[in-house]
Amino acid sequence: MIISFGGNAGSGKSTIAKMLAEKLGWQRYYVGGIRRQKAKERGLTLSEYNILGESDPSTDLEVDEYQRELGKTLDNFVIEGRTSFFLIPHSFKIFLDVDENVAAKRLYEECKKKNERNEGDLLKSVEEALALLRQRKQSDDLRYRKYYNVEAFNPANFDYVLDTTNLTPDQVFDQVYRAVKEKLANIDKS
């Protein structure tokens, strides 16, 4: 089984995908990390790279083809990326949602600790984080509609949806893991 994570920035996708892959003993693929590295190689922040992608489809298509190939050639892995659900349609699709204000606070707190996310200068406020999240989501939505005619932020495209706004990472993990175990049990029965 392949498990794909999508959803809004700050919802805990990376944390939960990593925890789940470790628990299952499966490989984890992090598309956002690949995109951040490609942006850094060009001397761009992730936001700048996304804006470039609005007119240059190669910034998305290279990583997206990689995801497609993973879905065709491997099994039993966790992948985290906004279009993974679409590019690997046979995956168990999990969408993590979060209130944008809570997401902004989470991003701001994370950036205060470290700047591995390639967000440019450290964010100076929660308001800056919120503006960044809104701009990123708008760019992502524009690109995914343009290149694939798909709504990556529509929970209806997913098998399992969870709002993480008022949950701790452990609570989110417990609920996600329960849904995954149920899905695995159903696969074993068929």
N, C-alpha and C. Protein backbone atom coordinates (compact mmCIF):
# COMPACT_ATOMS: atom_id res chain seq x y z
N MET A 1 0.85 -1.18 0.00
CA MET A 1 0.00 0.00 0.00
C MET A 1 0.90 1.25 0.00
N ILE A 2 0.47 2.24 -0.72
CA ILE A 2 1.13 3.54 -0.74
C ILE A 2 0.23 4.53 -0.01
N ILE A 3 0.81 5.32 0.86
CA ILE A 3 0.05 6.31 1.62
C ILE A 3 0.55 7.69 1.20
N SER A 4 -0.37 8.51 0.68
CA SER A 4 0.00 9.87 0.27
C SER A 4 -0.63 10.88 1.22
N PHE A 5 0.18 11.86 1.59
CA PHE A 5 -0.28 12.95 2.45
C PHE A 5 -0.37 14.23 1.64
N GLY A 6 -1.50 14.89 1.75
CA GLY A 6 -1.70 16.21 1.18
C GLY A 6 -2.30 17.10 2.26
N GLY A 7 -2.58 18.34 1.89
CA GLY A 7 -3.22 19.22 2.84
C GLY A 7 -2.56 20.58 2.89
N ASN A 8 -2.96 21.32 3.88
CA ASN A 8 -2.49 22.70 4.02
C ASN A 8 -1.18 22.78 4.77
N ALA A 9 -0.37 23.77 4.42
CA ALA A 9 0.88 24.02 5.12
C ALA A 9 0.59 24.26 6.59
N GLY A 10 1.43 23.71 7.43
CA GLY A 10 1.26 23.90 8.88
C GLY A 10 0.30 22.92 9.51
N SER A 11 -0.22 21.98 8.74
CA SER A 11 -1.20 21.03 9.28
C SER A 11 -0.53 19.85 9.97
N GLY A 12 0.77 19.69 9.79
CA GLY A 12 1.49 18.59 10.43
C GLY A 12 1.81 17.45 9.48
N LYS A 13 1.69 17.68 8.18
CA LYS A 13 1.93 16.60 7.21
C LYS A 13 3.30 15.97 7.38
N SER A 14 4.33 16.79 7.46
CA SER A 14 5.70 16.26 7.56
C SER A 14 5.89 15.47 8.85
N THR A 15 5.45 16.02 9.94
CA THR A 15 5.59 15.35 11.23
C THR A 15 4.89 14.00 11.22
N ILE A 16 3.65 13.98 10.76
CA ILE A 16 2.85 12.75 10.81
C ILE A 16 3.35 11.75 9.77
N ALA A 17 3.70 12.21 8.58
CA ALA A 17 4.22 11.29 7.56
C ALA A 17 5.50 10.62 8.05
N LYS A 18 6.36 11.39 8.69
CA LYS A 18 7.60 10.84 9.22
C LYS A 18 7.31 9.83 10.33
N MET A 19 6.43 10.17 11.25
CA MET A 19 6.08 9.26 12.34
C MET A 19 5.47 7.97 11.79
N LEU A 20 4.60 8.10 10.80
CA LEU A 20 3.93 6.93 10.23
C LEU A 20 4.92 6.03 9.50
N ALA A 21 5.80 6.61 8.71
CA ALA A 21 6.80 5.81 7.99
C ALA A 21 7.68 5.06 8.98
N GLU A 22 8.07 5.72 10.06
CA GLU A 22 8.89 5.06 11.08
C GLU A 22 8.13 3.91 11.73
N LYS A 23 6.88 4.15 12.07
CA LYS A 23 6.07 3.12 12.73
C LYS A 23 5.88 1.90 11.83
N LEU A 24 5.65 2.14 10.53
CA LEU A 24 5.43 1.04 9.60
C LEU A 24 6.74 0.41 9.11
N GLY A 25 7.85 1.11 9.31
CA GLY A 25 9.13 0.63 8.79
C GLY A 25 9.22 0.80 7.28
N TRP A 26 8.55 1.83 6.75
CA TRP A 26 8.51 2.08 5.31
C TRP A 26 9.35 3.30 4.97
N GLN A 27 9.73 3.39 3.71
CA GLN A 27 10.43 4.56 3.19
C GLN A 27 9.47 5.75 3.14
N ARG A 28 10.01 6.93 3.37
CA ARG A 28 9.21 8.17 3.25
C ARG A 28 9.85 9.06 2.19
N TYR A 29 9.00 9.60 1.34
CA TYR A 29 9.44 10.55 0.32
C TYR A 29 8.78 11.89 0.62
N TYR A 30 9.59 12.95 0.62
CA TYR A 30 9.13 14.28 1.00
C TYR A 30 9.31 15.22 -0.19
N VAL A 31 8.25 15.42 -0.94
CA VAL A 31 8.30 16.22 -2.16
C VAL A 31 8.65 17.67 -1.85
N GLY A 32 8.14 18.22 -0.76
CA GLY A 32 8.46 19.59 -0.39
C GLY A 32 9.95 19.79 -0.17
N GLY A 33 10.60 18.79 0.41
CA GLY A 33 12.04 18.85 0.61
C GLY A 33 12.81 18.87 -0.70
N ILE A 34 12.32 18.09 -1.66
CA ILE A 34 12.96 18.07 -2.98
C ILE A 34 12.80 19.44 -3.64
N ARG A 35 11.60 20.00 -3.57
CA ARG A 35 11.35 21.32 -4.16
C ARG A 35 12.18 22.40 -3.47
N ARG A 36 12.31 22.33 -2.16
CA ARG A 36 13.12 23.31 -1.44
C ARG A 36 14.58 23.23 -1.88
N GLN A 37 15.08 22.01 -2.06
CA GLN A 37 16.46 21.83 -2.50
C GLN A 37 16.66 22.39 -3.90
N LYS A 38 15.71 22.13 -4.80
CA LYS A 38 15.81 22.64 -6.17
C LYS A 38 15.77 24.17 -6.18
N ALA A 39 14.94 24.75 -5.30
CA ALA A 39 14.89 26.21 -5.20
C ALA A 39 16.24 26.74 -4.71
N LYS A 40 16.77 26.11 -3.69
CA LYS A 40 18.05 26.55 -3.12
C LYS A 40 19.16 26.48 -4.17
N GLU A 41 19.15 25.41 -5.00
CA GLU A 41 20.16 25.28 -6.06
C GLU A 41 20.09 26.44 -7.05
N ARG A 42 18.92 27.05 -7.19
CA ARG A 42 18.77 28.20 -8.09
C ARG A 42 18.93 29.52 -7.36
N GLY A 43 19.21 29.46 -6.05
CA GLY A 43 19.36 30.68 -5.27
C GLY A 43 18.03 31.34 -4.96
N LEU A 44 16.96 30.54 -4.90
CA LEU A 44 15.61 31.07 -4.67
C LEU A 44 15.04 30.54 -3.36
N THR A 45 14.12 31.29 -2.80
CA THR A 45 13.32 30.75 -1.70
C THR A 45 12.26 29.85 -2.32
N LEU A 46 11.60 29.07 -1.49
CA LEU A 46 10.52 28.21 -2.00
C LEU A 46 9.42 29.05 -2.63
N SER A 47 9.07 30.16 -2.01
CA SER A 47 8.02 31.03 -2.57
C SER A 47 8.41 31.56 -3.94
N GLU A 48 9.67 31.98 -4.08
CA GLU A 48 10.14 32.47 -5.38
C GLU A 48 10.13 31.35 -6.42
N TYR A 49 10.50 30.16 -6.01
CA TYR A 49 10.50 29.00 -6.91
C TYR A 49 9.07 28.67 -7.36
N ASN A 50 8.13 28.76 -6.42
CA ASN A 50 6.72 28.51 -6.77
C ASN A 50 6.22 29.55 -7.77
N ILE A 51 6.58 30.81 -7.56
CA ILE A 51 6.16 31.86 -8.50
C ILE A 51 6.77 31.62 -9.88
N LEU A 52 8.03 31.22 -9.92
CA LEU A 52 8.65 30.85 -11.18
C LEU A 52 7.86 29.74 -11.87
N GLY A 53 7.39 28.80 -11.07
CA GLY A 53 6.61 27.68 -11.59
C GLY A 53 5.29 28.07 -12.22
N GLU A 54 4.80 29.25 -11.90
CA GLU A 54 3.54 29.70 -12.50
C GLU A 54 3.68 29.90 -14.01
N SER A 55 4.91 30.15 -14.48
CA SER A 55 5.14 30.33 -15.91
C SER A 55 6.11 29.29 -16.48
N ASP A 56 6.78 28.55 -15.61
CA ASP A 56 7.75 27.53 -16.04
C ASP A 56 7.34 26.19 -15.44
N PRO A 57 6.60 25.38 -16.20
CA PRO A 57 6.10 24.13 -15.65
C PRO A 57 7.18 23.13 -15.24
N SER A 58 8.40 23.31 -15.71
CA SER A 58 9.46 22.36 -15.38
C SER A 58 9.72 22.29 -13.87
N THR A 59 9.43 23.37 -13.15
CA THR A 59 9.68 23.35 -11.70
C THR A 59 8.78 22.35 -10.99
N ASP A 60 7.62 22.08 -11.55
CA ASP A 60 6.71 21.08 -10.98
C ASP A 60 6.86 19.73 -11.68
N LEU A 61 6.97 19.74 -13.00
CA LEU A 61 6.86 18.51 -13.76
C LEU A 61 7.98 17.52 -13.47
N GLU A 62 9.19 17.99 -13.21
CA GLU A 62 10.29 17.08 -12.91
C GLU A 62 10.00 16.28 -11.64
N VAL A 63 9.59 16.97 -10.59
CA VAL A 63 9.28 16.31 -9.33
C VAL A 63 8.02 15.46 -9.46
N ASP A 64 7.08 15.93 -10.25
CA ASP A 64 5.83 15.18 -10.41
C ASP A 64 6.06 13.87 -11.17
N GLU A 65 6.92 13.89 -12.17
CA GLU A 65 7.23 12.65 -12.89
C GLU A 65 7.94 11.66 -11.96
N TYR A 66 8.78 12.17 -11.09
CA TYR A 66 9.44 11.33 -10.09
C TYR A 66 8.39 10.63 -9.22
N GLN A 67 7.38 11.37 -8.78
CA GLN A 67 6.32 10.79 -7.96
C GLN A 67 5.56 9.71 -8.73
N ARG A 68 5.23 10.00 -9.98
CA ARG A 68 4.52 9.01 -10.80
C ARG A 68 5.31 7.71 -10.89
N GLU A 69 6.60 7.83 -11.13
CA GLU A 69 7.46 6.64 -11.26
C GLU A 69 7.51 5.85 -9.95
N LEU A 70 7.60 6.55 -8.84
CA LEU A 70 7.57 5.87 -7.55
C LEU A 70 6.29 5.04 -7.42
N GLY A 71 5.17 5.66 -7.78
CA GLY A 71 3.88 4.98 -7.68
C GLY A 71 3.75 3.78 -8.60
N LYS A 72 4.46 3.81 -9.72
CA LYS A 72 4.42 2.70 -10.67
C LYS A 72 5.37 1.56 -10.30
N THR A 73 6.46 1.89 -9.62
CA THR A 73 7.52 0.90 -9.44
C THR A 73 7.70 0.40 -8.01
N LEU A 74 7.19 1.12 -7.02
CA LEU A 74 7.41 0.73 -5.63
C LEU A 74 6.08 0.54 -4.90
N ASP A 75 6.16 -0.10 -3.75
CA ASP A 75 4.99 -0.27 -2.90
C ASP A 75 5.44 -0.10 -1.44
N ASN A 76 4.48 0.03 -0.58
CA ASN A 76 4.73 0.15 0.86
C ASN A 76 5.67 1.31 1.18
N PHE A 77 5.19 2.52 0.87
CA PHE A 77 5.93 3.72 1.24
C PHE A 77 4.93 4.83 1.54
N VAL A 78 5.46 5.87 2.18
CA VAL A 78 4.70 7.07 2.53
C VAL A 78 5.26 8.20 1.70
N ILE A 79 4.38 8.98 1.07
CA ILE A 79 4.83 10.12 0.29
C ILE A 79 4.03 11.35 0.70
N GLU A 80 4.73 12.44 0.78
CA GLU A 80 4.10 13.69 1.22
C GLU A 80 4.32 14.74 0.14
N GLY A 81 3.23 15.16 -0.48
CA GLY A 81 3.29 16.18 -1.51
C GLY A 81 1.88 16.59 -1.89
N ARG A 82 1.71 17.82 -2.27
CA ARG A 82 0.36 18.33 -2.53
C ARG A 82 -0.32 17.65 -3.71
N THR A 83 0.45 17.17 -4.68
CA THR A 83 -0.17 16.50 -5.83
C THR A 83 0.01 14.98 -5.79
N SER A 84 0.58 14.45 -4.73
CA SER A 84 0.83 13.00 -4.66
C SER A 84 -0.46 12.20 -4.81
N PHE A 85 -1.55 12.67 -4.21
CA PHE A 85 -2.83 11.97 -4.31
C PHE A 85 -3.26 11.81 -5.76
N PHE A 86 -2.98 12.80 -6.58
CA PHE A 86 -3.38 12.82 -7.98
C PHE A 86 -2.41 12.00 -8.84
N LEU A 87 -1.13 12.13 -8.56
CA LEU A 87 -0.11 11.46 -9.36
C LEU A 87 0.03 9.98 -9.03
N ILE A 88 -0.42 9.60 -7.84
CA ILE A 88 -0.43 8.19 -7.44
C ILE A 88 -1.87 7.87 -7.01
N PRO A 89 -2.76 7.73 -7.99
CA PRO A 89 -4.19 7.63 -7.69
C PRO A 89 -4.59 6.39 -6.89
N HIS A 90 -3.77 5.35 -6.90
CA HIS A 90 -4.09 4.14 -6.15
C HIS A 90 -3.60 4.20 -4.71
N SER A 91 -3.04 5.34 -4.30
CA SER A 91 -2.58 5.49 -2.92
C SER A 91 -3.77 5.68 -1.98
N PHE A 92 -3.53 5.43 -0.70
CA PHE A 92 -4.48 5.79 0.35
C PHE A 92 -4.22 7.25 0.65
N LYS A 93 -5.17 8.10 0.31
CA LYS A 93 -4.97 9.55 0.29
C LYS A 93 -5.45 10.19 1.60
N ILE A 94 -4.50 10.82 2.31
CA ILE A 94 -4.79 11.47 3.59
C ILE A 94 -4.63 12.97 3.43
N PHE A 95 -5.62 13.73 3.86
CA PHE A 95 -5.59 15.19 3.80
C PHE A 95 -5.62 15.73 5.23
N LEU A 96 -4.60 16.50 5.59
CA LEU A 96 -4.57 17.15 6.89
C LEU A 96 -4.88 18.62 6.70
N ASP A 97 -5.86 19.09 7.44
CA ASP A 97 -6.32 20.47 7.35
C ASP A 97 -5.95 21.19 8.65
N VAL A 98 -5.97 22.51 8.60
CA VAL A 98 -5.68 23.31 9.78
C VAL A 98 -6.18 24.73 9.53
N ASP A 99 -6.61 25.38 10.59
CA ASP A 99 -6.97 26.79 10.51
C ASP A 99 -5.74 27.59 10.11
N GLU A 100 -5.89 28.51 9.18
CA GLU A 100 -4.72 29.23 8.66
C GLU A 100 -4.00 30.05 9.73
N ASN A 101 -4.71 30.56 10.72
CA ASN A 101 -4.05 31.32 11.78
C ASN A 101 -3.19 30.42 12.66
N VAL A 102 -3.68 29.22 12.92
CA VAL A 102 -2.90 28.25 13.69
C VAL A 102 -1.69 27.81 12.87
N ALA A 103 -1.91 27.60 11.57
CA ALA A 103 -0.80 27.21 10.68
C ALA A 103 0.29 28.29 10.67
N ALA A 104 -0.12 29.54 10.62
CA ALA A 104 0.85 30.64 10.61
C ALA A 104 1.65 30.66 11.91
N LYS A 105 0.99 30.45 13.01
CA LYS A 105 1.69 30.42 14.29
C LYS A 105 2.68 29.26 14.34
N ARG A 106 2.26 28.08 13.84
CA ARG A 106 3.17 26.92 13.81
C ARG A 106 4.39 27.22 12.94
N LEU A 107 4.18 27.78 11.76
CA LEU A 107 5.28 28.08 10.85
C LEU A 107 6.22 29.10 11.48
N TYR A 108 5.68 30.12 12.08
CA TYR A 108 6.49 31.14 12.72
C TYR A 108 7.35 30.54 13.84
N GLU A 109 6.74 29.71 14.67
CA GLU A 109 7.48 29.07 15.76
C GLU A 109 8.58 28.16 15.22
N GLU A 110 8.30 27.43 14.15
CA GLU A 110 9.30 26.55 13.56
C GLU A 110 10.46 27.36 12.98
N CYS A 111 10.14 28.46 12.31
CA CYS A 111 11.19 29.29 11.71
C CYS A 111 12.02 30.01 12.77
N LYS A 112 11.46 30.28 13.93
CA LYS A 112 12.24 30.88 15.01
C LYS A 112 13.32 29.91 15.48
N LYS A 113 13.02 28.62 15.44
CA LYS A 113 13.98 27.60 15.88
C LYS A 113 15.08 27.38 14.86
N LYS A 114 14.68 27.33 13.58
CA LYS A 114 15.64 27.03 12.51
C LYS A 114 15.08 27.54 11.20
N ASN A 115 15.93 27.64 10.20
CA ASN A 115 15.47 28.11 8.89
C ASN A 115 15.82 27.08 7.81
N GLU A 116 15.46 25.83 8.05
CA GLU A 116 15.72 24.78 7.08
C GLU A 116 14.64 24.73 6.00
N ARG A 117 13.61 25.51 6.14
CA ARG A 117 12.49 25.43 5.21
C ARG A 117 12.71 26.29 3.97
N ASN A 118 13.83 27.01 3.91
CA ASN A 118 14.14 27.86 2.76
C ASN A 118 13.03 28.89 2.54
N GLU A 119 12.70 29.60 3.60
CA GLU A 119 11.68 30.64 3.53
C GLU A 119 12.30 32.02 3.41
N GLY A 120 13.57 32.10 3.08
CA GLY A 120 14.23 33.39 3.02
C GLY A 120 14.64 33.79 4.42
N ASP A 121 14.64 35.07 4.68
CA ASP A 121 14.98 35.52 6.03
C ASP A 121 13.97 34.95 7.01
N LEU A 122 14.42 34.77 8.24
CA LEU A 122 13.49 34.29 9.25
C LEU A 122 12.27 35.20 9.32
N LEU A 123 11.12 34.61 9.42
CA LEU A 123 9.89 35.40 9.52
C LEU A 123 9.93 36.21 10.81
N LYS A 124 9.46 37.42 10.74
CA LYS A 124 9.54 38.32 11.89
C LYS A 124 8.26 38.38 12.71
N SER A 125 7.17 37.76 12.18
CA SER A 125 5.92 37.79 12.92
C SER A 125 4.98 36.70 12.40
N VAL A 126 3.96 36.44 13.19
CA VAL A 126 2.93 35.50 12.76
C VAL A 126 2.19 36.06 11.54
N GLU A 127 2.04 37.38 11.50
CA GLU A 127 1.35 38.01 10.36
C GLU A 127 2.13 37.78 9.07
N GLU A 128 3.48 37.86 9.13
CA GLU A 128 4.30 37.58 7.95
C GLU A 128 4.14 36.12 7.53
N ALA A 129 4.09 35.24 8.51
CA ALA A 129 3.90 33.81 8.21
C ALA A 129 2.55 33.58 7.54
N LEU A 130 1.51 34.25 8.02
CA LEU A 130 0.18 34.10 7.43
C LEU A 130 0.18 34.60 5.98
N ALA A 131 0.81 35.74 5.74
CA ALA A 131 0.88 36.26 4.37
C ALA A 131 1.64 35.29 3.46
N LEU A 132 2.73 34.72 3.97
CA LEU A 132 3.50 33.76 3.20
C LEU A 132 2.67 32.52 2.87
N LEU A 133 1.95 32.01 3.86
CA LEU A 133 1.12 30.82 3.65
C LEU A 133 0.02 31.08 2.62
N ARG A 134 -0.60 32.24 2.71
CA ARG A 134 -1.65 32.58 1.74
C ARG A 134 -1.09 32.70 0.33
N GLN A 135 0.07 33.35 0.20
CA GLN A 135 0.69 33.51 -1.11
C GLN A 135 1.09 32.15 -1.68
N ARG A 136 1.65 31.28 -0.84
CA ARG A 136 2.07 29.96 -1.30
C ARG A 136 0.87 29.13 -1.75
N LYS A 137 -0.19 29.16 -0.97
CA LYS A 137 -1.38 28.38 -1.33
C LYS A 137 -1.97 28.88 -2.65
N GLN A 138 -2.01 30.20 -2.83
CA GLN A 138 -2.52 30.77 -4.07
C GLN A 138 -1.68 30.32 -5.26
N SER A 139 -0.35 30.34 -5.11
CA SER A 139 0.54 29.91 -6.18
C SER A 139 0.38 28.42 -6.46
N ASP A 140 0.34 27.61 -5.39
CA ASP A 140 0.14 26.17 -5.57
C ASP A 140 -1.16 25.89 -6.30
N ASP A 141 -2.23 26.52 -5.85
CA ASP A 141 -3.54 26.30 -6.46
C ASP A 141 -3.53 26.69 -7.94
N LEU A 142 -2.92 27.83 -8.25
CA LEU A 142 -2.83 28.28 -9.64
C LEU A 142 -2.08 27.26 -10.50
N ARG A 143 -0.92 26.80 -10.02
CA ARG A 143 -0.11 25.86 -10.81
C ARG A 143 -0.81 24.52 -10.98
N TYR A 144 -1.39 23.97 -9.94
CA TYR A 144 -2.00 22.65 -10.05
C TYR A 144 -3.25 22.67 -10.93
N ARG A 145 -3.99 23.76 -10.90
CA ARG A 145 -5.14 23.89 -11.80
C ARG A 145 -4.66 24.04 -13.24
N LYS A 146 -3.62 24.85 -13.43
CA LYS A 146 -3.10 25.13 -14.77
C LYS A 146 -2.52 23.88 -15.42
N TYR A 147 -1.70 23.14 -14.68
CA TYR A 147 -0.99 22.01 -15.27
C TYR A 147 -1.77 20.70 -15.23
N TYR A 148 -2.67 20.54 -14.25
CA TYR A 148 -3.37 19.26 -14.09
C TYR A 148 -4.89 19.38 -14.01
N ASN A 149 -5.39 20.61 -13.93
CA ASN A 149 -6.82 20.81 -13.73
C ASN A 149 -7.31 20.05 -12.49
N VAL A 150 -6.56 20.20 -11.41
CA VAL A 150 -6.89 19.50 -10.17
C VAL A 150 -6.86 20.49 -9.01
N GLU A 151 -7.76 20.27 -8.07
CA GLU A 151 -7.83 21.07 -6.85
C GLU A 151 -7.14 20.31 -5.73
N ALA A 152 -5.89 20.64 -5.47
CA ALA A 152 -5.10 19.93 -4.48
C ALA A 152 -5.55 20.18 -3.05
N PHE A 153 -6.33 21.23 -2.83
CA PHE A 153 -6.76 21.55 -1.47
C PHE A 153 -8.23 21.21 -1.24
N ASN A 154 -8.80 20.41 -2.10
CA ASN A 154 -10.20 19.99 -1.95
C ASN A 154 -10.23 18.66 -1.19
N PRO A 155 -10.70 18.67 0.05
CA PRO A 155 -10.73 17.43 0.83
C PRO A 155 -11.53 16.30 0.18
N ALA A 156 -12.43 16.63 -0.71
CA ALA A 156 -13.23 15.59 -1.38
C ALA A 156 -12.37 14.67 -2.24
N ASN A 157 -11.16 15.08 -2.57
CA ASN A 157 -10.26 14.25 -3.38
C ASN A 157 -9.53 13.18 -2.55
N PHE A 158 -9.78 13.12 -1.27
CA PHE A 158 -9.00 12.26 -0.38
C PHE A 158 -9.87 11.21 0.29
N ASP A 159 -9.21 10.13 0.73
CA ASP A 159 -9.91 9.02 1.40
C ASP A 159 -10.14 9.30 2.88
N TYR A 160 -9.24 10.05 3.48
CA TYR A 160 -9.31 10.31 4.91
C TYR A 160 -8.92 11.77 5.15
N VAL A 161 -9.75 12.49 5.89
CA VAL A 161 -9.53 13.92 6.14
C VAL A 161 -9.55 14.15 7.65
N LEU A 162 -8.57 14.93 8.13
CA LEU A 162 -8.51 15.23 9.55
C LEU A 162 -8.10 16.68 9.74
N ASP A 163 -8.87 17.41 10.56
CA ASP A 163 -8.52 18.78 10.93
C ASP A 163 -7.63 18.70 12.17
N THR A 164 -6.41 19.21 12.04
CA THR A 164 -5.42 19.12 13.12
C THR A 164 -5.36 20.36 14.00
N THR A 165 -6.24 21.32 13.75
CA THR A 165 -6.18 22.62 14.43
C THR A 165 -6.06 22.50 15.94
N ASN A 166 -6.88 21.68 16.55
CA ASN A 166 -6.92 21.59 18.01
C ASN A 166 -6.35 20.29 18.54
N LEU A 167 -5.47 19.65 17.76
CA LEU A 167 -4.91 18.36 18.15
C LEU A 167 -3.40 18.47 18.31
N THR A 168 -2.86 17.68 19.22
CA THR A 168 -1.41 17.56 19.36
C THR A 168 -0.90 16.62 18.26
N PRO A 169 0.38 16.66 17.96
CA PRO A 169 0.91 15.70 16.99
C PRO A 169 0.62 14.25 17.36
N ASP A 170 0.70 13.90 18.64
CA ASP A 170 0.41 12.53 19.05
C ASP A 170 -1.06 12.17 18.80
N GLN A 171 -1.96 13.10 19.04
CA GLN A 171 -3.38 12.85 18.77
C GLN A 171 -3.63 12.67 17.27
N VAL A 172 -2.99 13.50 16.47
CA VAL A 172 -3.12 13.37 15.01
C VAL A 172 -2.58 12.02 14.57
N PHE A 173 -1.39 11.68 15.05
CA PHE A 173 -0.80 10.40 14.67
C PHE A 173 -1.71 9.23 15.04
N ASP A 174 -2.25 9.25 16.25
CA ASP A 174 -3.12 8.15 16.69
C ASP A 174 -4.31 7.97 15.76
N GLN A 175 -4.93 9.09 15.36
CA GLN A 175 -6.10 9.00 14.48
C GLN A 175 -5.72 8.54 13.08
N VAL A 176 -4.61 9.07 12.57
CA VAL A 176 -4.15 8.67 11.23
C VAL A 176 -3.75 7.20 11.23
N TYR A 177 -3.01 6.78 12.25
CA TYR A 177 -2.55 5.39 12.31
C TYR A 177 -3.74 4.43 12.40
N ARG A 178 -4.76 4.81 13.14
CA ARG A 178 -5.97 3.99 13.24
C ARG A 178 -6.61 3.82 11.85
N ALA A 179 -6.70 4.91 11.09
CA ALA A 179 -7.28 4.85 9.74
C ALA A 179 -6.42 3.99 8.81
N VAL A 180 -5.11 4.09 8.94
CA VAL A 180 -4.20 3.29 8.10
C VAL A 180 -4.33 1.81 8.46
N LYS A 181 -4.37 1.49 9.75
CA LYS A 181 -4.52 0.08 10.16
C LYS A 181 -5.82 -0.49 9.62
N GLU A 182 -6.89 0.30 9.66
CA GLU A 182 -8.18 -0.15 9.15
C GLU A 182 -8.09 -0.42 7.64
N LYS A 183 -7.44 0.47 6.93
CA LYS A 183 -7.26 0.30 5.47
C LYS A 183 -6.43 -0.94 5.18
N LEU A 184 -5.34 -1.14 5.92
CA LEU A 184 -4.50 -2.32 5.74
C LEU A 184 -5.28 -3.60 6.03
N ALA A 185 -6.11 -3.59 7.06
CA ALA A 185 -6.91 -4.76 7.41
C ALA A 185 -7.89 -5.08 6.28
N ASN A 186 -8.48 -4.06 5.68
CA ASN A 186 -9.41 -4.27 4.57
C ASN A 186 -8.70 -4.82 3.34
N ILE A 187 -7.46 -4.39 3.12
CA ILE A 187 -6.68 -4.90 1.99
C ILE A 187 -6.38 -6.39 2.21
N ASP A 188 -6.02 -6.74 3.45
CA ASP A 188 -5.69 -8.13 3.76
C ASP A 188 -6.89 -9.05 3.58
N LYS A 189 -8.11 -8.53 3.80
CA LYS A 189 -9.31 -9.34 3.68
C LYS A 189 -9.68 -9.63 2.23
N SER A 190 -9.23 -8.74 1.32
CA SER A 190 -9.64 -8.91 -0.09
C SER A 190 -8.70 -9.80 -0.86
